PDB file of N, CA and C in Angstrom:
ATOM      1  N   MET A   1      42.040  97.800-136.720  1.00  0.00           N
ATOM      2  CA  MET A   1      42.531  97.807-138.095  1.00  0.00           C
ATOM      3  C   MET A   1      43.674  98.817-138.181  1.00  0.00           C
ATOM      4  N   ASP A   2      44.789  98.390-138.769  1.00  0.00           N
ATOM      5  CA  ASP A   2      45.927  99.303-138.843  1.00  0.00           C
ATOM      6  C   ASP A   2      45.745 100.345-139.950  1.00  0.00           C
ATOM      7  N   VAL A   3      46.554 101.390-139.878  1.00  0.00           N
ATOM      8  CA  VAL A   3      46.442 102.527-140.796  1.00  0.00           C
ATOM      9  C   VAL A   3      46.593 102.090-142.248  1.00  0.00           C
ATOM     10  N   MET A   4      47.581 101.242-142.509  1.00  0.00           N
ATOM     11  CA  MET A   4      47.810 100.845-143.895  1.00  0.00           C
ATOM     12  C   MET A   4      46.587 100.110-144.456  1.00  0.00           C
ATOM     13  N   LEU A   5      46.033  99.193-143.700  1.00  0.00           N
ATOM     14  CA  LEU A   5      44.860  98.465-144.181  1.00  0.00           C
ATOM     15  C   LEU A   5      43.680  99.414-144.394  1.00  0.00           C
ATOM     16  N   GLN A   6      43.474 100.343-143.474  1.00  0.00           N
ATOM     17  CA  GLN A   6      42.391 101.323-143.639  1.00  0.00           C
ATOM     18  C   GLN A   6      42.556 102.076-144.951  1.00  0.00           C
ATOM     19  N   ARG A   7      43.771 102.489-145.243  1.00  0.00           N
ATOM     20  CA  ARG A   7      44.013 103.277-146.453  1.00  0.00           C
ATOM     21  C   ARG A   7      43.907 102.430-147.717  1.00  0.00           C
ATOM     22  N   VAL A   8      44.370 101.188-147.661  1.00  0.00           N
ATOM     23  CA  VAL A   8      44.224 100.300-148.821  1.00  0.00           C
ATOM     24  C   VAL A   8      42.738 100.106-149.124  1.00  0.00           C
ATOM     25  N   LEU A   9      41.957  99.817-148.092  1.00  0.00           N
ATOM     26  CA  LEU A   9      40.527  99.588-148.297  1.00  0.00           C
ATOM     27  C   LEU A   9      39.810 100.860-148.743  1.00  0.00           C
ATOM     28  N   GLU A  10      40.266 102.005-148.250  1.00  0.00           N
ATOM     29  CA  GLU A  10      39.715 103.291-148.710  1.00  0.00           C
ATOM     30  C   GLU A  10      39.943 103.449-150.211  1.00  0.00           C
ATOM     31  N   LEU A  11      41.149 103.157-150.660  1.00  0.00           N
ATOM     32  CA  LEU A  11      41.469 103.270-152.082  1.00  0.00           C
ATOM     33  C   LEU A  11      40.651 102.288-152.917  1.00  0.00           C
ATOM     34  N   VAL A  12      40.537 101.067-152.438  1.00  0.00           N
ATOM     35  CA  VAL A  12      39.747 100.062-153.152  1.00  0.00           C
ATOM     36  C   VAL A  12      38.300 100.533-153.239  1.00  0.00           C
ATOM     37  N   GLY A  13      37.774 101.093-152.159  1.00  0.00           N
ATOM     38  CA  GLY A  13      36.394 101.585-152.153  1.00  0.00           C
ATOM     39  C   GLY A  13      36.168 102.765-153.073  1.00  0.00           C
ATOM     40  N   GLU A  14      37.184 103.597-153.263  1.00  0.00           N
ATOM     41  CA  GLU A  14      37.066 104.778-154.128  1.00  0.00           C
ATOM     42  C   GLU A  14      37.067 104.409-155.605  1.00  0.00           C
ATOM     43  N   HIS A  15      37.595 103.260-155.942  1.00  0.00           N
ATOM     44  CA  HIS A  15      37.746 102.852-157.339  1.00  0.00           C
ATOM     45  C   HIS A  15      36.926 101.597-157.583  1.00  0.00           C
ATOM     46  N   HIS A  16      35.719 101.764-158.075  1.00  0.00           N
ATOM     47  CA  HIS A  16      34.799 100.642-158.282  1.00  0.00           C
ATOM     48  C   HIS A  16      35.470  99.533-159.088  1.00  0.00           C
ATOM     49  N   GLY A  17      35.390  98.322-158.554  1.00  0.00           N
ATOM     50  CA  GLY A  17      35.968  97.170-159.247  1.00  0.00           C
ATOM     51  C   GLY A  17      37.464  97.041-159.101  1.00  0.00           C
ATOM     52  N   SER A  18      38.080  97.955-158.349  1.00  0.00           N
ATOM     53  CA  SER A  18      39.537  97.965-158.307  1.00  0.00           C
ATOM     54  C   SER A  18      40.124  96.848-157.461  1.00  0.00           C
ATOM     55  N   GLY A  19      39.326  96.208-156.605  1.00  0.00           N
ATOM     56  CA  GLY A  19      39.864  95.113-155.802  1.00  0.00           C
ATOM     57  C   GLY A  19      40.423  94.007-156.672  1.00  0.00           C
ATOM     58  N   GLN A  20      39.628  93.549-157.625  1.00  0.00           N
ATOM     59  CA  GLN A  20      40.085  92.486-158.524  1.00  0.00           C
ATOM     60  C   GLN A  20      41.163  93.000-159.480  1.00  0.00           C
ATOM     61  N   ASP A  21      41.004  94.232-159.943  1.00  0.00           N
ATOM     62  CA  ASP A  21      42.036  94.811-160.808  1.00  0.00           C
ATOM     63  C   ASP A  21      43.357  94.938-160.047  1.00  0.00           C
ATOM     64  N   LEU A  22      43.258  95.352-158.785  1.00  0.00           N
ATOM     65  CA  LEU A  22      44.453  95.515-157.959  1.00  0.00           C
ATOM     66  C   LEU A  22      45.188  94.185-157.794  1.00  0.00           C
ATOM     67  N   VAL A  23      44.473  93.136-157.398  1.00  0.00           N
ATOM     68  CA  VAL A  23      45.164  91.862-157.161  1.00  0.00           C
ATOM     69  C   VAL A  23      45.799  91.320-158.435  1.00  0.00           C
ATOM     70  N   ARG A  24      45.161  91.554-159.565  1.00  0.00           N
ATOM     71  CA  ARG A  24      45.776  91.136-160.836  1.00  0.00           C
ATOM     72  C   ARG A  24      47.032  91.948-161.108  1.00  0.00           C
ATOM     73  N   ALA A  25      46.955  93.246-160.869  1.00  0.00           N
ATOM     74  CA  ALA A  25      48.086  94.130-161.170  1.00  0.00           C
ATOM     75  C   ALA A  25      49.301  93.851-160.288  1.00  0.00           C
ATOM     76  N   ILE A  26      49.066  93.500-159.031  1.00  0.00           N
ATOM     77  CA  ILE A  26      50.199  93.296-158.128  1.00  0.00           C
ATOM     78  C   ILE A  26      50.591  91.829-157.986  1.00  0.00           C
ATOM     79  N   GLY A  27      49.794  90.929-158.564  1.00  0.00           N
ATOM     80  CA  GLY A  27      50.155  89.520-158.595  1.00  0.00           C
ATOM     81  C   GLY A  27      49.908  88.745-157.317  1.00  0.00           C
ATOM     82  N   CYS A  28      48.869  89.114-156.582  1.00  0.00           N
ATOM     83  CA  CYS A  28      48.560  88.320-155.386  1.00  0.00           C
ATOM     84  C   CYS A  28      47.275  87.530-155.605  1.00  0.00           C
ATOM     85  N   ARG A  29      46.931  86.701-154.641  1.00  0.00           N
ATOM     86  CA  ARG A  29      45.765  85.832-154.771  1.00  0.00           C
ATOM     87  C   ARG A  29      44.493  86.615-155.036  1.00  0.00           C
ATOM     88  N   LYS A  30      43.563  86.014-155.785  1.00  0.00           N
ATOM     89  CA  LYS A  30      42.350  86.734-156.173  1.00  0.00           C
ATOM     90  C   LYS A  30      41.443  87.056-154.998  1.00  0.00           C
ATOM     91  N   ASN A  31      41.553  86.328-153.893  1.00  0.00           N
ATOM     92  CA  ASN A  31      40.731  86.607-152.710  1.00  0.00           C
ATOM     93  C   ASN A  31      41.462  87.464-151.677  1.00  0.00           C
ATOM     94  N   ALA A  32      42.575  88.031-152.056  1.00  0.00           N
ATOM     95  CA  ALA A  32      43.413  88.761-151.102  1.00  0.00           C
ATOM     96  C   ALA A  32      42.667  89.907-150.427  1.00  0.00           C
ATOM     97  N   VAL A  33      41.967  90.730-151.183  1.00  0.00           N
ATOM     98  CA  VAL A  33      41.279  91.886-150.588  1.00  0.00           C
ATOM     99  C   VAL A  33      40.221  91.424-149.587  1.00  0.00           C
ATOM    100  N   THR A  34      39.502  90.373-149.922  1.00  0.00           N
ATOM    101  CA  THR A  34      38.509  89.815-148.998  1.00  0.00           C
ATOM    102  C   THR A  34      39.189  89.336-147.717  1.00  0.00           C
ATOM    103  N   ASP A  35      40.326  88.668-147.868  1.00  0.00           N
ATOM    104  CA  ASP A  35      41.073  88.186-146.703  1.00  0.00           C
ATOM    105  C   ASP A  35      41.606  89.347-145.867  1.00  0.00           C
ATOM    106  N   TRP A  36      42.043  90.417-146.512  1.00  0.00           N
ATOM    107  CA  TRP A  36      42.524  91.592-145.782  1.00  0.00           C
ATOM    108  C   TRP A  36      41.395  92.191-144.951  1.00  0.00           C
ATOM    109  N   ARG A  37      40.238  92.375-145.584  1.00  0.00           N
ATOM    110  CA  ARG A  37      39.073  92.946-144.886  1.00  0.00           C
ATOM    111  C   ARG A  37      38.688  92.113-143.664  1.00  0.00           C
ATOM    112  N   ALA A  38      38.733  90.798-143.816  1.00  0.00           N
ATOM    113  CA  ALA A  38      38.305  89.885-142.754  1.00  0.00           C
ATOM    114  C   ALA A  38      39.388  89.656-141.696  1.00  0.00           C
ATOM    115  N   GLY A  39      40.570  90.222-141.908  1.00  0.00           N
ATOM    116  CA  GLY A  39      41.660  90.042-140.955  1.00  0.00           C
ATOM    117  C   GLY A  39      42.342  88.689-141.044  1.00  0.00           C
ATOM    118  N   ARG A  40      42.119  87.962-142.133  1.00  0.00           N
ATOM    119  CA  ARG A  40      42.736  86.649-142.302  1.00  0.00           C
ATOM    120  C   ARG A  40      44.152  86.722-142.859  1.00  0.00           C
ATOM    121  N   SER A  41      44.531  87.889-143.372  1.00  0.00           N
ATOM    122  CA  SER A  41      45.850  88.035-143.984  1.00  0.00           C
ATOM    123  C   SER A  41      46.327  89.476-143.856  1.00  0.00           C
ATOM    124  N   LYS A  42      47.614  89.625-143.718  1.00  0.00           N
ATOM    125  CA  LYS A  42      48.246  90.950-143.724  1.00  0.00           C
ATOM    126  C   LYS A  42      49.206  91.065-144.896  1.00  0.00           C
ATOM    127  N   SER A  43      48.966  90.291-145.949  1.00  0.00           N
ATOM    128  CA  SER A  43      49.884  90.293-147.093  1.00  0.00           C
ATOM    129  C   SER A  43      49.956  91.650-147.782  1.00  0.00           C
ATOM    130  N   TYR A  44      48.977  92.524-147.519  1.00  0.00           N
ATOM    131  CA  TYR A  44      49.027  93.867-148.103  1.00  0.00           C
ATOM    132  C   TYR A  44      50.300  94.596-147.714  1.00  0.00           C
ATOM    133  N   THR A  45      50.874  94.277-146.562  1.00  0.00           N
ATOM    134  CA  THR A  45      52.101  94.953-146.144  1.00  0.00           C
ATOM    135  C   THR A  45      53.262  94.608-147.068  1.00  0.00           C
ATOM    136  N   LYS A  46      53.274  93.379-147.545  1.00  0.00           N
ATOM    137  CA  LYS A  46      54.341  92.945-148.451  1.00  0.00           C
ATOM    138  C   LYS A  46      54.203  93.598-149.828  1.00  0.00           C
ATOM    139  N   TYR A  47      52.969  93.908-150.202  1.00  0.00           N
ATOM    140  CA  TYR A  47      52.695  94.503-151.514  1.00  0.00           C
ATOM    141  C   TYR A  47      52.558  96.031-151.459  1.00  0.00           C
ATOM    142  N   ALA A  48      52.903  96.632-150.338  1.00  0.00           N
ATOM    143  CA  ALA A  48      52.704  98.076-150.161  1.00  0.00           C
ATOM    144  C   ALA A  48      53.291  98.919-151.302  1.00  0.00           C
ATOM    145  N   PRO A  49      54.535  98.682-151.745  1.00  0.00           N
ATOM    146  CA  PRO A  49      55.053  99.514-152.838  1.00  0.00           C
ATOM    147  C   PRO A  49      54.227  99.386-154.121  1.00  0.00           C
ATOM    148  N   GLN A  50      53.794  98.165-154.440  1.00  0.00           N
ATOM    149  CA  GLN A  50      52.997  97.954-155.647  1.00  0.00           C
ATOM    150  C   GLN A  50      51.599  98.568-155.509  1.00  0.00           C
ATOM    151  N   ILE A  51      51.008  98.478-154.316  1.00  0.00           N
ATOM    152  CA  ILE A  51      49.682  99.067-154.089  1.00  0.00           C
ATOM    153  C   ILE A  51      49.758 100.580-154.231  1.00  0.00           C
ATOM    154  N   ALA A  52      50.766 101.191-153.624  1.00  0.00           N
ATOM    155  CA  ALA A  52      50.928 102.648-153.729  1.00  0.00           C
ATOM    156  C   ALA A  52      51.105 103.064-155.180  1.00  0.00           C
ATOM    157  N   ASP A  53      51.915 102.321-155.910  1.00  0.00           N
ATOM    158  CA  ASP A  53      52.143 102.626-157.324  1.00  0.00           C
ATOM    159  C   ASP A  53      50.852 102.465-158.131  1.00  0.00           C
ATOM    160  N   TYR A  54      50.119 101.400-157.896  1.00  0.00           N
ATOM    161  CA  TYR A  54      48.879 101.124-158.639  1.00  0.00           C
ATOM    162  C   TYR A  54      47.878 102.270-158.470  1.00  0.00           C
ATOM    163  N   PHE A  55      47.733 102.768-157.244  1.00  0.00           N
ATOM    164  CA  PHE A  55      46.763 103.828-156.987  1.00  0.00           C
ATOM    165  C   PHE A  55      47.341 105.234-157.135  1.00  0.00           C
ATOM    166  N   GLY A  56      48.642 105.336-157.370  1.00  0.00           N
ATOM    167  CA  GLY A  56      49.264 106.646-157.570  1.00  0.00           C
ATOM    168  C   GLY A  56      49.343 107.483-156.308  1.00  0.00           C
ATOM    169  N   VAL A  57      49.556 106.814-155.175  1.00  0.00           N
ATOM    170  CA  VAL A  57      49.706 107.522-153.901  1.00  0.00           C
ATOM    171  C   VAL A  57      51.109 107.260-153.371  1.00  0.00           C
ATOM    172  N   SER A  58      51.519 108.084-152.422  1.00  0.00           N
ATOM    173  CA  SER A  58      52.855 107.884-151.868  1.00  0.00           C
ATOM    174  C   SER A  58      52.850 106.710-150.894  1.00  0.00           C
ATOM    175  N   LEU A  59      53.965 106.018-150.830  1.00  0.00           N
ATOM    176  CA  LEU A  59      54.125 104.916-149.887  1.00  0.00           C
ATOM    177  C   LEU A  59      54.081 105.451-148.457  1.00  0.00           C
ATOM    178  N   ASP A  60      54.606 106.652-148.251  1.00  0.00           N
ATOM    179  CA  ASP A  60      54.547 107.267-146.920  1.00  0.00           C
ATOM    180  C   ASP A  60      53.094 107.468-146.484  1.00  0.00           C
ATOM    181  N   TRP A  61      52.223 107.919-147.412  1.00  0.00           N
ATOM    182  CA  TRP A  61      50.810 108.090-147.066  1.00  0.00           C
ATOM    183  C   TRP A  61      50.161 106.737-146.787  1.00  0.00           C
ATOM    184  N   LEU A  62      50.400 105.781-147.656  1.00  0.00           N
ATOM    185  CA  LEU A  62      49.783 104.465-147.507  1.00  0.00           C
ATOM    186  C   LEU A  62      50.155 103.837-146.164  1.00  0.00           C
ATOM    187  N   SER A  63      51.380 104.026-145.734  1.00  0.00           N
ATOM    188  CA  SER A  63      51.836 103.420-144.484  1.00  0.00           C
ATOM    189  C   SER A  63      51.520 104.261-143.251  1.00  0.00           C
ATOM    190  N   GLY A  64      50.920 105.432-143.454  1.00  0.00           N
ATOM    191  CA  GLY A  64      50.533 106.274-142.320  1.00  0.00           C
ATOM    192  C   GLY A  64      51.626 107.189-141.819  1.00  0.00           C
ATOM    193  N   LEU A  65      52.703 107.344-142.590  1.00  0.00           N
ATOM    194  CA  LEU A  65      53.796 108.219-142.161  1.00  0.00           C
ATOM    195  C   LEU A  65      53.505 109.687-142.431  1.00  0.00           C
ATOM    196  N   THR A  66      52.548 109.956-143.328  1.00  0.00           N
ATOM    197  CA  THR A  66      52.162 111.322-143.646  1.00  0.00           C
ATOM    198  C   THR A  66      50.683 111.331-144.020  1.00  0.00           C
ATOM    199  N   ASP A  67      50.091 112.502-143.992  1.00  0.00           N
ATOM    200  CA  ASP A  67      48.701 112.647-144.424  1.00  0.00           C
ATOM    201  C   ASP A  67      48.614 113.152-145.854  1.00  0.00           C
ATOM    202  N   ASP A  68      49.749 113.315-146.519  1.00  0.00           N
ATOM    203  CA  ASP A  68      49.808 113.809-147.894  1.00  0.00           C
ATOM    204  C   ASP A  68      49.862 112.630-148.871  1.00  0.00           C
ATOM    205  N   LYS A  69      48.782 112.455-149.652  1.00  0.00           N
ATOM    206  CA  LYS A  69      48.719 111.340-150.601  1.00  0.00           C
ATOM    207  C   LYS A  69      49.668 111.509-151.780  1.00  0.00           C
ATOM    208  N   GLN A  70      50.011 112.743-152.072  1.00  0.00           N
ATOM    209  CA  GLN A  70      50.769 113.037-153.287  1.00  0.00           C
ATOM    210  C   GLN A  70      52.172 112.469-153.240  1.00  0.00           C
ATOM    211  N   ILE A  71      52.598 111.962-154.391  1.00  0.00           N
ATOM    212  CA  ILE A  71      53.970 111.504-154.547  1.00  0.00           C
ATOM    213  C   ILE A  71      54.828 112.737-154.780  1.00  0.00           C
ATOM    214  N   LYS A  72      55.860 112.883-154.003  1.00  0.00           N
ATOM    215  CA  LYS A  72      56.739 114.044-154.128  1.00  0.00           C
ATOM    216  C   LYS A  72      57.653 113.875-155.336  1.00  0.00           C
ATOM    217  N   LYS A  73      57.733 114.912-156.136  1.00  0.00           N
ATOM    218  CA  LYS A  73      58.664 114.912-157.274  1.00  0.00           C
ATOM    219  C   LYS A  73      60.065 115.163-156.743  1.00  0.00           C
ATOM    220  N   ALA A  74      61.014 114.488-157.317  1.00  0.00           N
ATOM    221  CA  ALA A  74      62.398 114.685-156.905  1.00  0.00           C
ATOM    222  C   ALA A  74      62.865 116.067-157.333  1.00  0.00           C
ATOM    223  N   SER A  75      63.566 116.744-156.442  1.00  0.00           N
ATOM    224  CA  SER A  75      64.143 118.033-156.799  1.00  0.00           C
ATOM    225  C   SER A  75      65.384 117.779-157.635  1.00  0.00           C
ATOM    226  N   SER A  76      65.938 118.826-158.217  1.00  0.00           N
ATOM    227  CA  SER A  76      67.130 118.648-159.042  1.00  0.00           C
ATOM    228  C   SER A  76      68.275 118.060-158.221  1.00  0.00           C
ATOM    229  N   GLU A  77      68.312 118.342-156.921  1.00  0.00           N
ATOM    230  CA  GLU A  77      69.350 117.792-156.054  1.00  0.00           C
ATOM    231  C   GLU A  77      69.135 116.296-155.818  1.00  0.00           C
ATOM    232  N   ASP A  78      67.865 115.841-155.920  1.00  0.00           N
ATOM    233  CA  ASP A  78      67.529 114.459-155.616  1.00  0.00           C
ATOM    234  C   ASP A  78      67.297 113.608-156.856  1.00  0.00           C
ATOM    235  N   GLU A  79      67.730 114.072-158.026  1.00  0.00           N
ATOM    236  CA  GLU A  79      67.369 113.381-159.256  1.00  0.00           C
ATOM    237  C   GLU A  79      67.815 111.927-159.278  1.00  0.00           C
ATOM    238  N   ALA A  80      68.969 111.644-158.747  1.00  0.00           N
ATOM    239  CA  ALA A  80      69.416 110.250-158.699  1.00  0.00           C
ATOM    240  C   ALA A  80      68.674 109.553-157.562  1.00  0.00           C
ATOM    241  N   GLU A  81      68.221 108.342-157.813  1.00  0.00           N
ATOM    242  CA  GLU A  81      67.500 107.600-156.784  1.00  0.00           C
ATOM    243  C   GLU A  81      68.414 107.339-155.603  1.00  0.00           C
ATOM    244  N   ASP A  82      67.869 107.469-154.424  1.00  0.00           N
ATOM    245  CA  ASP A  82      68.607 107.179-153.213  1.00  0.00           C
ATOM    246  C   ASP A  82      69.037 105.714-153.270  1.00  0.00           C
ATOM    247  N   PRO A  83      70.301 105.412-153.105  1.00  0.00           N
ATOM    248  CA  PRO A  83      70.768 104.030-153.212  1.00  0.00           C
ATOM    249  C   PRO A  83      70.201 103.112-152.131  1.00  0.00           C
ATOM    250  N   MET A  84      69.643 103.676-151.070  1.00  0.00           N
ATOM    251  CA  MET A  84      69.066 102.853-150.004  1.00  0.00           C
ATOM    252  C   MET A  84      67.685 102.314-150.373  1.00  0.00           C
ATOM    253  N   ILE A  85      66.986 102.959-151.299  1.00  0.00           N
ATOM    254  CA  ILE A  85      65.620 102.556-151.614  1.00  0.00           C
ATOM    255  C   ILE A  85      65.540 101.114-152.110  1.00  0.00           C
ATOM    256  N   PRO A  86      66.342 100.704-153.087  1.00  0.00           N
ATOM    257  CA  PRO A  86      66.258  99.290-153.507  1.00  0.00           C
ATOM    258  C   PRO A  86      66.572  98.316-152.364  1.00  0.00           C
ATOM    259  N   ALA A  87      67.499  98.682-151.504  1.00  0.00           N
ATOM    260  CA  ALA A  87      67.841  97.810-150.377  1.00  0.00           C
ATOM    261  C   ALA A  87      66.674  97.707-149.396  1.00  0.00           C
ATOM    262  N   ILE A  88      65.998  98.822-149.155  1.00  0.00           N
ATOM    263  CA  ILE A  88      64.842  98.817-148.247  1.00  0.00           C
ATOM    264  C   ILE A  88      63.707  98.001-148.849  1.00  0.00           C
ATOM    265  N   VAL A  89      63.439  98.175-150.131  1.00  0.00           N
ATOM    266  CA  VAL A  89      62.380  97.404-150.796  1.00  0.00           C
ATOM    267  C   VAL A  89      62.700  95.916-150.727  1.00  0.00           C
ATOM    268  N   GLU A  90      63.934  95.545-150.981  1.00  0.00           N
ATOM    269  CA  GLU A  90      64.327  94.134-150.914  1.00  0.00           C
ATOM    270  C   GLU A  90      64.159  93.596-149.497  1.00  0.00           C
ATOM    271  N   LEU A  91      64.535  94.384-148.509  1.00  0.00           N
ATOM    272  CA  LEU A  91      64.364  93.977-147.111  1.00  0.00           C
ATOM    273  C   LEU A  91      62.885  93.750-146.798  1.00  0.00           C
ATOM    274  N   LEU A  92      62.026  94.684-147.204  1.00  0.00           N
ATOM    275  CA  LEU A  92      60.591  94.548-146.949  1.00  0.00           C
ATOM    276  C   LEU A  92      60.020  93.304-147.621  1.00  0.00           C
ATOM    277  N   ARG A  93      60.468  93.015-148.818  1.00  0.00           N
ATOM    278  CA  ARG A  93      59.983  91.821-149.525  1.00  0.00           C
ATOM    279  C   ARG A  93      60.403  90.533-148.832  1.00  0.00           C
ATOM    280  N   SER A  94      61.505  90.569-148.114  1.00  0.00           N
ATOM    281  CA  SER A  94      61.991  89.358-147.447  1.00  0.00           C
ATOM    282  C   SER A  94      61.329  89.130-146.089  1.00  0.00           C
ATOM    283  N   MET A  95      60.573  90.121-145.606  1.00  0.00           N
ATOM    284  CA  MET A  95      59.969  90.040-144.281  1.00  0.00           C
ATOM    285  C   MET A  95      58.568  89.445-144.343  1.00  0.00           C
ATOM    286  N   SER A  96      58.154  88.864-143.234  1.00  0.00           N
ATOM    287  CA  SER A  96      56.778  88.372-143.125  1.00  0.00           C
ATOM    288  C   SER A  96      55.851  89.589-142.993  1.00  0.00           C
ATOM    289  N   PRO A  97      54.558  89.417-143.261  1.00  0.00           N
ATOM    290  CA  PRO A  97      53.623  90.538-143.099  1.00  0.00           C
ATOM    291  C   PRO A  97      53.651  91.134-141.689  1.00  0.00           C
ATOM    292  N   ASP A  98      53.766  90.299-140.659  1.00  0.00           N
ATOM    293  CA  ASP A  98      53.820  90.823-139.288  1.00  0.00           C
ATOM    294  C   ASP A  98      55.086  91.643-139.057  1.00  0.00           C
ATOM    295  N   GLU A  99      56.209  91.175-139.612  1.00  0.00           N
ATOM    296  CA  GLU A  99      57.456  91.929-139.472  1.00  0.00           C
ATOM    297  C   GLU A  99      57.362  93.275-140.188  1.00  0.00           C
ATOM    298  N   VAL A 100      56.733  93.302-141.364  1.00  0.00           N
ATOM    299  CA  VAL A 100      56.563  94.559-142.104  1.00  0.00           C
ATOM    300  C   VAL A 100      55.685  95.511-141.307  1.00  0.00           C
ATOM    301  N   SER A 101      54.587  95.005-140.748  1.00  0.00           N
ATOM    302  CA  SER A 101      53.707  95.851-139.930  1.00  0.00           C
ATOM    303  C   SER A 101      54.474  96.438-138.755  1.00  0.00           C
ATOM    304  N   SER A 102      55.266  95.617-138.096  1.00  0.00           N
ATOM    305  CA  SER A 102      56.060  96.095-136.956  1.00  0.00           C
ATOM    306  C   SER A 102      57.056  97.156-137.399  1.00  0.00           C
ATOM    307  N   TRP A 103      57.689  96.942-138.549  1.00  0.00           N
ATOM    308  CA  TRP A 103      58.658  97.903-139.061  1.00  0.00           C
ATOM    309  C   TRP A 103      57.996  99.253-139.332  1.00  0.00           C
ATOM    310  N   PHE A 104      56.817  99.214-139.996  1.00  0.00           N
ATOM    311  CA  PHE A 104      56.111 100.463-140.275  1.00  0.00           C
ATOM    312  C   PHE A 104      55.686 101.152-138.990  1.00  0.00           C
ATOM    313  N   GLU A 105      55.289 100.390-137.981  1.00  0.00           N
ATOM    314  CA  GLU A 105      54.892 100.974-136.701  1.00  0.00           C
ATOM    315  C   GLU A 105      56.074 101.686-136.051  1.00  0.00           C
ATOM    316  N   VAL A 106      57.245 101.066-136.089  1.00  0.00           N
ATOM    317  CA  VAL A 106      58.454 101.698-135.550  1.00  0.00           C
ATOM    318  C   VAL A 106      58.752 102.986-136.313  1.00  0.00           C
ATOM    319  N   MET A 107      58.631 102.950-137.649  1.00  0.00           N
ATOM    320  CA  MET A 107      58.892 104.152-138.460  1.00  0.00           C
ATOM    321  C   MET A 107      57.911 105.263-138.132  1.00  0.00           C
ATOM    322  N   ARG A 108      56.615 104.911-137.984  1.00  0.00           N
ATOM    323  CA  ARG A 108      55.608 105.933-137.639  1.00  0.00           C
ATOM    324  C   ARG A 108      55.950 106.581-136.310  1.00  0.00           C
ATOM    325  N   LYS A 109      56.300 105.762-135.327  1.00  0.00           N
ATOM    326  CA  LYS A 109      56.626 106.298-133.998  1.00  0.00           C
ATOM    327  C   LYS A 109      57.865 107.180-134.051  1.00  0.00           C
ATOM    328  N   SER A 110      58.847 106.772-134.854  1.00  0.00           N
ATOM    329  CA  SER A 110      60.085 107.561-134.918  1.00  0.00           C
ATOM    330  C   SER A 110      59.877 108.901-135.594  1.00  0.00           C
ATOM    331  N   ARG A 111      58.816 109.009-136.413  1.00  0.00           N
ATOM    332  CA  ARG A 111      58.503 110.263-137.101  1.00  0.00           C
ATOM    333  C   ARG A 111      57.427 111.053-136.383  1.00  0.00           C
ATOM    334  N   GLY A 112      57.034 110.600-135.177  1.00  0.00           N
ATOM    335  CA  GLY A 112      56.074 111.333-134.374  1.00  0.00           C
ATOM    336  C   GLY A 112      54.626 111.091-134.751  1.00  0.00           C
ATOM    337  N   LYS A 113      54.323 110.071-135.557  1.00  0.00           N
ATOM    338  CA  LYS A 113      52.945 109.728-135.921  1.00  0.00           C
ATOM    339  C   LYS A 113      52.466 108.641-134.992  1.00  0.00           C
ATOM    340  N   LYS A 114      51.184 108.661-134.667  1.00  0.00           N
ATOM    341  CA  LYS A 114      50.613 107.616-133.808  1.00  0.00           C
ATOM    342  C   LYS A 114      49.831 106.643-134.613  1.00  0.00           C
TER     343      LYS A 114
END
C-alpha cells in the first residue's frame, strides 16, 4: 500500500462516517473508498488536492513528502500564490492515477523521502 493511500485511509478512519462524506465532498463515486481499500482503484491520487483540503492537511503530508500534517501559512514574501501551482494541479488532473502515483514517487525520491 502506498503512502498516500495509507494516509487517506488513516484520515477516513479518524473521522467516523467521513468516507461517504468525503466522496460526496470531492465528487467521486460512492464506492470509491471501498475500492481504494481493496486495491481496485487508485483514483485517490487524482483527488489528492481535494482530499487534503477536505481533511485540512497539507498535500505534501498526504503524498508522503513530509511528516508535518499542518498546512503552512504563506509568509508576507509568499502572499501571492505561486503561478506554478495552478499549472501543476491542472497537470495532475490530466494524468491517470498510475501516472500521478509515479509522479509523487519521483517527487518523494527527489526530496530524500523513501
